[in-house]
Amino acid sequence: MDQSPEVPKHTPTAKDIAAQFREKITGPDREYGPGERLPAARALAKELGVQLMTVQGAYGQLRDEGLVLTQQGRGTFVRDPSVPLGTEPGSSPAFTALAAELSTIHDALRLLGERLDRVERLVGSETPPSP
């Protein structure tokens, strides 16, 4: 009776864990919807047999992709894609300030574009066509 040697168990990397949760958040058979909490990093690390930093790295990748939000002391939650980044409750003050600044710049560019259109209409009506 032959016994096959036990195949060593693959220890997932942060990239592997992020890919698994990305699929659970965005895939066709979603397991996590907007606002739902992901497993606690410490518990998931223990379950997967990895270091806490590995799970934190995976969650960090998902956060950098805009898929989740991490709230210190509360956990990691699936971000609602209909809410603009940086405006969610609990967003970092720096991120919220950046979002507000970008919104202000966007409004200024829109107004500038409208003024440019008006100037082009005025100038265009008084200037003869170029040869």
N, C-alpha and C. Protein backbone atom coordinates (compact mmCIF):
# COMPACT_ATOMS: atom_id res chain seq x y z
N MET A 1 0.84 -1.17 0.00
CA MET A 1 0.00 0.00 0.00
C MET A 1 0.89 1.24 0.00
N ASP A 2 0.80 2.01 -1.11
CA ASP A 2 1.62 3.21 -1.22
C ASP A 2 0.94 4.38 -0.52
N GLN A 3 1.73 5.08 0.20
CA GLN A 3 1.21 6.30 0.81
C GLN A 3 1.90 7.48 0.14
N SER A 4 1.12 8.38 -0.37
CA SER A 4 1.72 9.54 -1.01
C SER A 4 2.12 10.54 0.07
N PRO A 5 3.27 11.13 -0.13
CA PRO A 5 3.69 12.13 0.87
C PRO A 5 2.71 13.30 0.87
N GLU A 6 2.50 13.82 2.04
CA GLU A 6 1.56 14.93 2.16
C GLU A 6 2.11 16.15 1.44
N VAL A 7 1.27 16.73 0.59
CA VAL A 7 1.68 17.93 -0.14
C VAL A 7 1.66 19.10 0.82
N PRO A 8 2.74 19.86 0.87
CA PRO A 8 2.75 21.00 1.79
C PRO A 8 1.64 21.98 1.43
N LYS A 9 1.00 22.48 2.45
CA LYS A 9 -0.10 23.42 2.28
C LYS A 9 0.44 24.77 1.82
N HIS A 10 -0.20 25.33 0.79
CA HIS A 10 0.20 26.64 0.28
C HIS A 10 -0.23 27.73 1.27
N THR A 11 0.69 28.53 1.70
CA THR A 11 0.37 29.65 2.57
C THR A 11 0.05 30.85 1.69
N PRO A 12 -1.17 31.41 1.82
CA PRO A 12 -1.54 32.51 0.94
C PRO A 12 -0.73 33.78 1.22
N THR A 13 -0.46 34.51 0.17
CA THR A 13 0.22 35.80 0.28
C THR A 13 -0.84 36.89 0.40
N ALA A 14 -0.40 38.09 0.67
CA ALA A 14 -1.34 39.23 0.73
C ALA A 14 -2.04 39.38 -0.61
N LYS A 15 -1.30 39.18 -1.69
CA LYS A 15 -1.87 39.29 -3.02
C LYS A 15 -2.97 38.24 -3.23
N ASP A 16 -2.73 37.01 -2.75
CA ASP A 16 -3.72 35.93 -2.86
C ASP A 16 -4.99 36.28 -2.08
N ILE A 17 -4.80 36.75 -0.86
CA ILE A 17 -5.94 37.09 0.01
C ILE A 17 -6.73 38.25 -0.59
N ALA A 18 -6.02 39.25 -1.10
CA ALA A 18 -6.70 40.39 -1.73
C ALA A 18 -7.51 39.92 -2.93
N ALA A 19 -6.95 39.01 -3.73
CA ALA A 19 -7.67 38.51 -4.91
C ALA A 19 -8.93 37.76 -4.50
N GLN A 20 -8.85 36.97 -3.43
CA GLN A 20 -10.02 36.23 -2.96
C GLN A 20 -11.13 37.18 -2.53
N PHE A 21 -10.76 38.20 -1.76
CA PHE A 21 -11.78 39.13 -1.28
C PHE A 21 -12.26 40.06 -2.38
N ARG A 22 -11.40 40.39 -3.33
CA ARG A 22 -11.83 41.20 -4.49
C ARG A 22 -12.96 40.48 -5.21
N GLU A 23 -12.79 39.18 -5.40
CA GLU A 23 -13.82 38.37 -6.07
C GLU A 23 -15.09 38.31 -5.22
N LYS A 24 -14.93 38.20 -3.90
CA LYS A 24 -16.09 38.14 -3.01
C LYS A 24 -16.84 39.47 -2.95
N ILE A 25 -16.14 40.57 -3.30
CA ILE A 25 -16.76 41.90 -3.26
C ILE A 25 -17.32 42.29 -4.62
N THR A 26 -16.60 41.96 -5.71
CA THR A 26 -16.99 42.45 -7.04
C THR A 26 -17.47 41.37 -8.00
N GLY A 27 -17.24 40.12 -7.66
CA GLY A 27 -17.57 39.02 -8.57
C GLY A 27 -19.06 38.82 -8.75
N PRO A 28 -19.44 37.98 -9.69
CA PRO A 28 -20.86 37.74 -9.97
C PRO A 28 -21.60 37.09 -8.79
N ASP A 29 -20.89 36.31 -7.98
CA ASP A 29 -21.51 35.67 -6.81
C ASP A 29 -21.04 36.36 -5.54
N ARG A 30 -21.29 37.65 -5.46
CA ARG A 30 -20.80 38.46 -4.34
C ARG A 30 -21.20 37.88 -2.99
N GLU A 31 -20.24 37.89 -2.09
CA GLU A 31 -20.52 37.47 -0.72
C GLU A 31 -20.61 38.67 0.22
N TYR A 32 -20.03 39.80 -0.22
CA TYR A 32 -20.02 41.00 0.61
C TYR A 32 -20.57 42.17 -0.20
N GLY A 33 -21.55 42.86 0.37
CA GLY A 33 -22.12 44.03 -0.29
C GLY A 33 -21.68 45.30 0.40
N PRO A 34 -22.03 46.46 -0.18
CA PRO A 34 -21.65 47.74 0.42
C PRO A 34 -22.06 47.84 1.88
N GLY A 35 -21.11 48.28 2.69
CA GLY A 35 -21.36 48.48 4.11
C GLY A 35 -21.09 47.25 4.97
N GLU A 36 -20.92 46.09 4.33
CA GLU A 36 -20.69 44.87 5.12
C GLU A 36 -19.24 44.81 5.60
N ARG A 37 -19.09 44.25 6.77
CA ARG A 37 -17.78 44.17 7.41
C ARG A 37 -17.06 42.90 6.97
N LEU A 38 -15.78 43.06 6.61
CA LEU A 38 -14.95 41.90 6.30
C LEU A 38 -14.51 41.25 7.61
N PRO A 39 -14.05 40.02 7.55
CA PRO A 39 -13.59 39.37 8.79
C PRO A 39 -12.48 40.19 9.45
N ALA A 40 -12.46 40.13 10.77
CA ALA A 40 -11.41 40.83 11.52
C ALA A 40 -10.05 40.30 11.07
N ALA A 41 -9.12 41.19 10.86
CA ALA A 41 -7.81 40.82 10.33
C ALA A 41 -7.12 39.79 11.22
N ARG A 42 -7.19 39.96 12.51
CA ARG A 42 -6.52 39.04 13.43
C ARG A 42 -7.12 37.64 13.33
N ALA A 43 -8.45 37.55 13.29
CA ALA A 43 -9.12 36.25 13.20
C ALA A 43 -8.84 35.59 11.85
N LEU A 44 -8.84 36.38 10.78
CA LEU A 44 -8.58 35.83 9.45
C LEU A 44 -7.14 35.32 9.35
N ALA A 45 -6.21 36.06 9.93
CA ALA A 45 -4.80 35.64 9.92
C ALA A 45 -4.67 34.28 10.62
N LYS A 46 -5.33 34.14 11.74
CA LYS A 46 -5.26 32.88 12.49
C LYS A 46 -5.89 31.75 11.67
N GLU A 47 -7.04 32.02 11.07
CA GLU A 47 -7.74 31.02 10.26
C GLU A 47 -6.89 30.55 9.07
N LEU A 48 -6.20 31.50 8.42
CA LEU A 48 -5.41 31.18 7.24
C LEU A 48 -3.99 30.71 7.56
N GLY A 49 -3.59 30.88 8.82
CA GLY A 49 -2.24 30.48 9.21
C GLY A 49 -1.17 31.42 8.67
N VAL A 50 -1.51 32.71 8.63
CA VAL A 50 -0.56 33.72 8.14
C VAL A 50 -0.35 34.77 9.22
N GLN A 51 0.63 35.61 9.00
CA GLN A 51 0.89 36.72 9.91
C GLN A 51 -0.19 37.79 9.76
N LEU A 52 -0.46 38.50 10.83
CA LEU A 52 -1.43 39.59 10.82
C LEU A 52 -1.08 40.61 9.74
N MET A 53 0.21 40.90 9.58
CA MET A 53 0.64 41.89 8.58
C MET A 53 0.26 41.46 7.15
N THR A 54 0.18 40.16 6.91
CA THR A 54 -0.20 39.66 5.58
C THR A 54 -1.65 40.04 5.28
N VAL A 55 -2.53 39.83 6.24
CA VAL A 55 -3.94 40.19 6.06
C VAL A 55 -4.07 41.71 5.98
N GLN A 56 -3.37 42.42 6.81
CA GLN A 56 -3.42 43.89 6.76
C GLN A 56 -2.94 44.39 5.41
N GLY A 57 -1.93 43.74 4.85
CA GLY A 57 -1.45 44.11 3.51
C GLY A 57 -2.51 43.87 2.45
N ALA A 58 -3.21 42.74 2.57
CA ALA A 58 -4.29 42.43 1.62
C ALA A 58 -5.40 43.47 1.71
N TYR A 59 -5.82 43.77 2.93
CA TYR A 59 -6.86 44.79 3.12
C TYR A 59 -6.38 46.15 2.62
N GLY A 60 -5.09 46.43 2.79
CA GLY A 60 -4.52 47.69 2.29
C GLY A 60 -4.60 47.77 0.78
N GLN A 61 -4.35 46.65 0.09
CA GLN A 61 -4.46 46.63 -1.37
C GLN A 61 -5.90 46.94 -1.79
N LEU A 62 -6.86 46.32 -1.10
CA LEU A 62 -8.27 46.55 -1.43
C LEU A 62 -8.67 48.00 -1.14
N ARG A 63 -8.10 48.55 -0.07
CA ARG A 63 -8.38 49.96 0.26
C ARG A 63 -7.80 50.88 -0.82
N ASP A 64 -6.58 50.58 -1.27
CA ASP A 64 -5.95 51.39 -2.31
C ASP A 64 -6.72 51.33 -3.62
N GLU A 65 -7.41 50.23 -3.86
CA GLU A 65 -8.24 50.08 -5.06
C GLU A 65 -9.61 50.73 -4.90
N GLY A 66 -9.90 51.23 -3.70
CA GLY A 66 -11.19 51.88 -3.47
C GLY A 66 -12.33 50.91 -3.21
N LEU A 67 -12.00 49.67 -2.86
CA LEU A 67 -13.06 48.68 -2.63
C LEU A 67 -13.52 48.62 -1.18
N VAL A 68 -12.63 48.97 -0.25
CA VAL A 68 -12.98 48.90 1.17
C VAL A 68 -12.52 50.16 1.90
N LEU A 69 -13.08 50.34 3.08
CA LEU A 69 -12.69 51.41 4.00
C LEU A 69 -12.28 50.75 5.30
N THR A 70 -11.25 51.25 5.91
CA THR A 70 -10.83 50.73 7.20
C THR A 70 -11.06 51.81 8.24
N GLN A 71 -11.78 51.44 9.29
CA GLN A 71 -12.04 52.38 10.38
C GLN A 71 -11.37 51.82 11.63
N GLN A 72 -10.40 52.55 12.13
CA GLN A 72 -9.63 52.06 13.27
C GLN A 72 -10.55 51.74 14.44
N GLY A 73 -10.37 50.56 14.97
CA GLY A 73 -11.17 50.13 16.11
C GLY A 73 -12.52 49.54 15.73
N ARG A 74 -12.93 49.70 14.47
CA ARG A 74 -14.23 49.16 14.04
C ARG A 74 -14.08 48.03 13.06
N GLY A 75 -13.13 48.13 12.13
CA GLY A 75 -12.94 47.06 11.17
C GLY A 75 -12.81 47.57 9.75
N THR A 76 -12.91 46.63 8.81
CA THR A 76 -12.79 46.93 7.39
C THR A 76 -14.13 46.63 6.74
N PHE A 77 -14.64 47.61 5.98
CA PHE A 77 -15.98 47.52 5.41
C PHE A 77 -15.93 47.72 3.90
N VAL A 78 -16.85 47.05 3.20
CA VAL A 78 -16.96 47.21 1.76
C VAL A 78 -17.48 48.62 1.50
N ARG A 79 -16.80 49.33 0.62
CA ARG A 79 -17.17 50.71 0.29
C ARG A 79 -18.33 50.71 -0.70
N ASP A 80 -19.25 51.64 -0.50
CA ASP A 80 -20.37 51.81 -1.42
C ASP A 80 -19.85 52.60 -2.62
N PRO A 81 -19.82 51.99 -3.83
CA PRO A 81 -19.26 52.68 -4.99
C PRO A 81 -20.07 53.90 -5.43
N SER A 82 -21.32 54.04 -4.94
CA SER A 82 -22.12 55.20 -5.34
C SER A 82 -21.78 56.45 -4.52
N VAL A 83 -21.01 56.28 -3.46
CA VAL A 83 -20.61 57.41 -2.61
C VAL A 83 -19.21 57.84 -3.03
N PRO A 84 -19.03 59.13 -3.38
CA PRO A 84 -17.70 59.59 -3.80
C PRO A 84 -16.64 59.31 -2.74
N LEU A 85 -15.48 58.88 -3.20
CA LEU A 85 -14.37 58.62 -2.28
C LEU A 85 -14.07 59.84 -1.42
N GLY A 86 -13.81 59.61 -0.17
CA GLY A 86 -13.43 60.69 0.74
C GLY A 86 -14.60 61.35 1.42
N THR A 87 -15.82 60.99 1.04
CA THR A 87 -16.98 61.62 1.66
C THR A 87 -17.73 60.66 2.58
N GLU A 88 -17.24 59.44 2.71
CA GLU A 88 -17.88 58.46 3.57
C GLU A 88 -17.68 58.85 5.02
N PRO A 89 -18.64 58.50 5.88
CA PRO A 89 -18.43 58.73 7.31
C PRO A 89 -17.17 57.98 7.75
N GLY A 90 -16.34 58.65 8.52
CA GLY A 90 -15.12 58.01 9.01
C GLY A 90 -13.94 58.17 8.09
N SER A 91 -14.11 58.87 6.96
CA SER A 91 -12.97 59.09 6.07
C SER A 91 -11.93 59.91 6.81
N SER A 92 -10.67 59.69 6.44
CA SER A 92 -9.62 60.44 7.11
C SER A 92 -9.76 61.92 6.78
N PRO A 93 -9.45 62.80 7.72
CA PRO A 93 -9.57 64.24 7.47
C PRO A 93 -8.74 64.68 6.26
N ALA A 94 -7.56 64.10 6.09
CA ALA A 94 -6.71 64.48 4.95
C ALA A 94 -7.38 64.09 3.64
N PHE A 95 -7.97 62.91 3.60
CA PHE A 95 -8.62 62.45 2.38
C PHE A 95 -9.87 63.29 2.10
N THR A 96 -10.62 63.63 3.13
CA THR A 96 -11.81 64.46 2.98
C THR A 96 -11.42 65.84 2.46
N ALA A 97 -10.34 66.41 3.00
CA ALA A 97 -9.86 67.72 2.55
C ALA A 97 -9.44 67.66 1.09
N LEU A 98 -8.77 66.60 0.69
CA LEU A 98 -8.35 66.43 -0.70
C LEU A 98 -9.57 66.33 -1.62
N ALA A 99 -10.57 65.57 -1.21
CA ALA A 99 -11.79 65.43 -2.02
C ALA A 99 -12.47 66.79 -2.18
N ALA A 100 -12.52 67.58 -1.10
CA ALA A 100 -13.14 68.91 -1.17
C ALA A 100 -12.34 69.82 -2.10
N GLU A 101 -11.02 69.75 -2.01
CA GLU A 101 -10.17 70.58 -2.88
C GLU A 101 -10.36 70.20 -4.34
N LEU A 102 -10.42 68.92 -4.63
CA LEU A 102 -10.64 68.47 -6.01
C LEU A 102 -12.00 68.91 -6.53
N SER A 103 -13.00 68.89 -5.66
CA SER A 103 -14.33 69.35 -6.05
C SER A 103 -14.31 70.84 -6.38
N THR A 104 -13.59 71.61 -5.58
CA THR A 104 -13.46 73.05 -5.83
C THR A 104 -12.75 73.31 -7.15
N ILE A 105 -11.69 72.57 -7.42
CA ILE A 105 -10.96 72.72 -8.68
C ILE A 105 -11.85 72.35 -9.86
N HIS A 106 -12.62 71.28 -9.70
CA HIS A 106 -13.54 70.85 -10.76
C HIS A 106 -14.55 71.96 -11.07
N ASP A 107 -15.12 72.57 -10.02
CA ASP A 107 -16.08 73.66 -10.21
C ASP A 107 -15.43 74.86 -10.90
N ALA A 108 -14.20 75.19 -10.49
CA ALA A 108 -13.49 76.33 -11.09
C ALA A 108 -13.21 76.06 -12.57
N LEU A 109 -12.83 74.85 -12.91
CA LEU A 109 -12.57 74.51 -14.31
C LEU A 109 -13.85 74.57 -15.15
N ARG A 110 -14.96 74.15 -14.56
CA ARG A 110 -16.24 74.21 -15.27
C ARG A 110 -16.60 75.68 -15.56
N LEU A 111 -16.45 76.55 -14.55
CA LEU A 111 -16.75 77.97 -14.75
C LEU A 111 -15.82 78.59 -15.79
N LEU A 112 -14.55 78.24 -15.72
CA LEU A 112 -13.58 78.74 -16.68
C LEU A 112 -13.96 78.32 -18.10
N GLY A 113 -14.39 77.08 -18.26
CA GLY A 113 -14.83 76.59 -19.56
C GLY A 113 -16.04 77.36 -20.08
N GLU A 114 -16.98 77.66 -19.18
CA GLU A 114 -18.16 78.44 -19.59
C GLU A 114 -17.76 79.84 -20.04
N ARG A 115 -16.86 80.46 -19.30
CA ARG A 115 -16.40 81.80 -19.68
C ARG A 115 -15.65 81.77 -21.01
N LEU A 116 -14.83 80.77 -21.21
CA LEU A 116 -14.10 80.63 -22.46
C LEU A 116 -15.07 80.49 -23.63
N ASP A 117 -16.13 79.73 -23.44
CA ASP A 117 -17.15 79.58 -24.49
C ASP A 117 -17.77 80.93 -24.84
N ARG A 118 -18.08 81.74 -23.79
CA ARG A 118 -18.66 83.07 -24.03
C ARG A 118 -17.69 83.97 -24.79
N VAL A 119 -16.43 83.96 -24.39
CA VAL A 119 -15.41 84.78 -25.05
C VAL A 119 -15.27 84.35 -26.51
N GLU A 120 -15.23 83.06 -26.75
CA GLU A 120 -15.10 82.57 -28.13
C GLU A 120 -16.29 82.99 -28.98
N ARG A 121 -17.50 82.99 -28.39
CA ARG A 121 -18.67 83.44 -29.15
C ARG A 121 -18.58 84.93 -29.47
N LEU A 122 -18.15 85.74 -28.48
CA LEU A 122 -18.03 87.18 -28.70
C LEU A 122 -16.95 87.50 -29.72
N VAL A 123 -15.78 86.92 -29.53
CA VAL A 123 -14.67 87.18 -30.43
C VAL A 123 -14.97 86.61 -31.82
N GLY A 124 -15.55 85.45 -31.85
CA GLY A 124 -15.85 84.80 -33.13
C GLY A 124 -16.84 85.60 -33.94
N SER A 125 -17.77 86.31 -33.30
CA SER A 125 -18.77 87.06 -34.05
C SER A 125 -18.21 88.37 -34.61
N GLU A 126 -17.09 88.87 -34.05
CA GLU A 126 -16.52 90.13 -34.50
C GLU A 126 -15.29 89.94 -35.39
N THR A 127 -14.71 88.79 -35.39
CA THR A 127 -13.48 88.54 -36.15
C THR A 127 -13.83 87.93 -37.50
N PRO A 128 -13.24 88.52 -38.57
CA PRO A 128 -13.49 87.92 -39.89
C PRO A 128 -12.84 86.56 -39.98
N PRO A 129 -13.36 85.68 -40.80
CA PRO A 129 -12.76 84.35 -40.93
C PRO A 129 -11.33 84.43 -41.41
N SER A 130 -10.49 83.58 -40.89
CA SER A 130 -9.08 83.58 -41.30
C SER A 130 -8.94 82.90 -42.66
N PRO A 131 -7.89 83.36 -43.44
CA PRO A 131 -7.70 82.83 -44.78
C PRO A 131 -7.34 81.38 -44.84
